[in-house]
């Protein structure tokens, strides 16, 4: 657990932790693969009109119009703040 994270470290978490792997394998959010995209239950609205975009490394819920990067998905799924989410991601072996 670090006292602070640099802008470069935060950017690394956003860009380099694969969102689909985080959702499916680590957070184990209910999900299915459909037409090459992962669909998952939205941690905000509970809707299933979601998908992951591998190229941009984001998740998107079209029901509540929310975009998730890896930090956002951890914060919302676990109900924790920014720093604890960074600590969680920092502890992953990805």
Protein backbone atom coordinates (compact mmCIF):
# COMPACT_ATOMS: atom_id res chain seq x y z
CA UNK A 1 0.00 0.00 0.00
CA UNK A 2 1.57 3.23 -1.16
CA UNK A 3 1.06 6.69 0.28
CA UNK A 4 0.58 8.16 -3.19
CA UNK A 5 0.61 7.23 -6.88
CA UNK A 6 2.18 9.24 -9.68
CA UNK A 7 0.24 10.36 -12.75
CA UNK A 8 2.21 7.80 -14.76
CA UNK A 9 1.18 4.96 -12.42
CA UNK A 10 -2.47 6.00 -12.59
CA UNK A 11 -2.26 6.16 -16.40
CA UNK A 12 -0.71 2.68 -16.36
CA UNK A 13 -3.67 1.29 -14.38
CA UNK A 14 -6.14 2.89 -16.80
CA UNK A 15 -4.42 1.80 -20.00
CA UNK A 16 -2.61 -1.45 -19.22
CA UNK A 17 -4.84 -3.51 -16.96
CA UNK A 18 -7.13 -5.34 -19.41
CA UNK A 19 -10.70 -4.31 -18.59
CA UNK A 20 -12.25 -7.60 -19.73
CA UNK A 21 -9.83 -9.69 -17.67
CA UNK A 22 -10.47 -7.45 -14.66
CA UNK A 23 -14.25 -7.79 -15.00
CA UNK A 24 -14.39 -11.51 -15.79
CA UNK A 25 -11.46 -13.13 -13.97
CA UNK A 26 -10.59 -10.85 -11.07
CA UNK A 27 -13.77 -9.07 -9.99
CA UNK A 28 -15.91 -11.97 -11.24
CA UNK A 29 -18.74 -9.68 -12.30
CA UNK A 30 -21.43 -11.77 -14.02
CA UNK A 31 -20.62 -11.58 -17.73
CA UNK A 32 -20.92 -13.30 -21.08
CA UNK A 33 -19.09 -13.02 -24.36
CA UNK A 34 -21.17 -11.85 -27.32
CA UNK A 35 -19.90 -11.08 -30.85
CA UNK A 36 -16.34 -10.64 -29.59
CA UNK A 37 -17.30 -8.27 -26.77
CA UNK A 38 -17.75 -8.98 -23.09
CA UNK A 39 -21.13 -8.00 -21.69
CA UNK A 40 -21.34 -7.57 -17.91
CA UNK A 41 -23.75 -6.40 -15.24
CA UNK A 42 -23.33 -2.67 -14.67
CA UNK A 43 -22.17 -1.98 -11.11
CA UNK A 44 -24.12 1.29 -11.09
CA UNK A 45 -27.56 0.51 -12.54
CA UNK A 46 -27.47 -3.29 -12.62
CA UNK A 47 -28.33 -3.25 -16.31
CA UNK A 48 -27.02 -5.67 -18.87
CA UNK A 49 -26.75 -3.36 -21.88
CA UNK A 50 -23.01 -3.17 -21.45
CA UNK A 51 -19.89 -4.08 -23.38
CA UNK A 52 -16.13 -3.81 -23.23
CA UNK A 53 -14.01 -2.07 -25.83
CA UNK A 54 -10.61 -3.78 -25.97
CA UNK A 55 -9.01 -1.08 -28.12
CA UNK A 56 -9.91 1.74 -25.70
CA UNK A 57 -9.73 -0.51 -22.60
CA UNK A 58 -13.09 0.67 -21.27
CA UNK A 59 -16.45 -0.74 -20.35
CA UNK A 60 -19.64 1.07 -21.27
CA UNK A 61 -23.19 0.78 -19.98
CA UNK A 62 -25.68 2.10 -22.51
CA UNK A 63 -28.53 2.00 -19.97
CA UNK A 64 -27.03 4.55 -17.58
CA UNK A 65 -24.57 5.97 -20.12
CA UNK A 66 -21.51 5.33 -17.94
CA UNK A 67 -17.98 4.65 -19.14
CA UNK A 68 -15.66 2.63 -16.93
CA UNK A 69 -11.89 2.43 -17.02
CA UNK A 70 -10.24 -0.21 -14.79
CA UNK A 71 -10.10 2.19 -11.82
CA UNK A 72 -13.78 3.15 -12.20
CA UNK A 73 -14.98 -0.45 -12.43
CA UNK A 74 -13.11 -1.39 -9.23
CA UNK A 75 -14.43 1.67 -7.37
CA UNK A 76 -18.04 1.04 -8.38
CA UNK A 77 -18.05 -2.76 -8.07
CA UNK A 78 -16.35 -2.80 -4.65
CA UNK A 79 -17.93 0.42 -3.37
CA UNK A 80 -14.54 1.92 -2.50
CA UNK A 81 -12.77 5.21 -3.14
CA UNK A 82 -10.08 6.16 -5.61
CA UNK A 83 -7.02 5.42 -3.45
CA UNK A 84 -8.27 2.00 -2.25
CA UNK A 85 -9.02 1.12 -5.89
CA UNK A 86 -5.47 2.06 -6.85
CA UNK A 87 -4.15 -0.08 -3.98
CA UNK A 88 -6.27 -3.00 -5.21
CA UNK A 89 -5.02 -2.66 -8.79
CA UNK A 90 -1.44 -2.21 -7.61
CA UNK A 91 -1.66 -5.56 -5.83
CA UNK A 92 -2.71 -7.48 -8.94
CA UNK A 93 -0.33 -9.79 -10.73
CA UNK A 94 -1.29 -8.85 -14.31
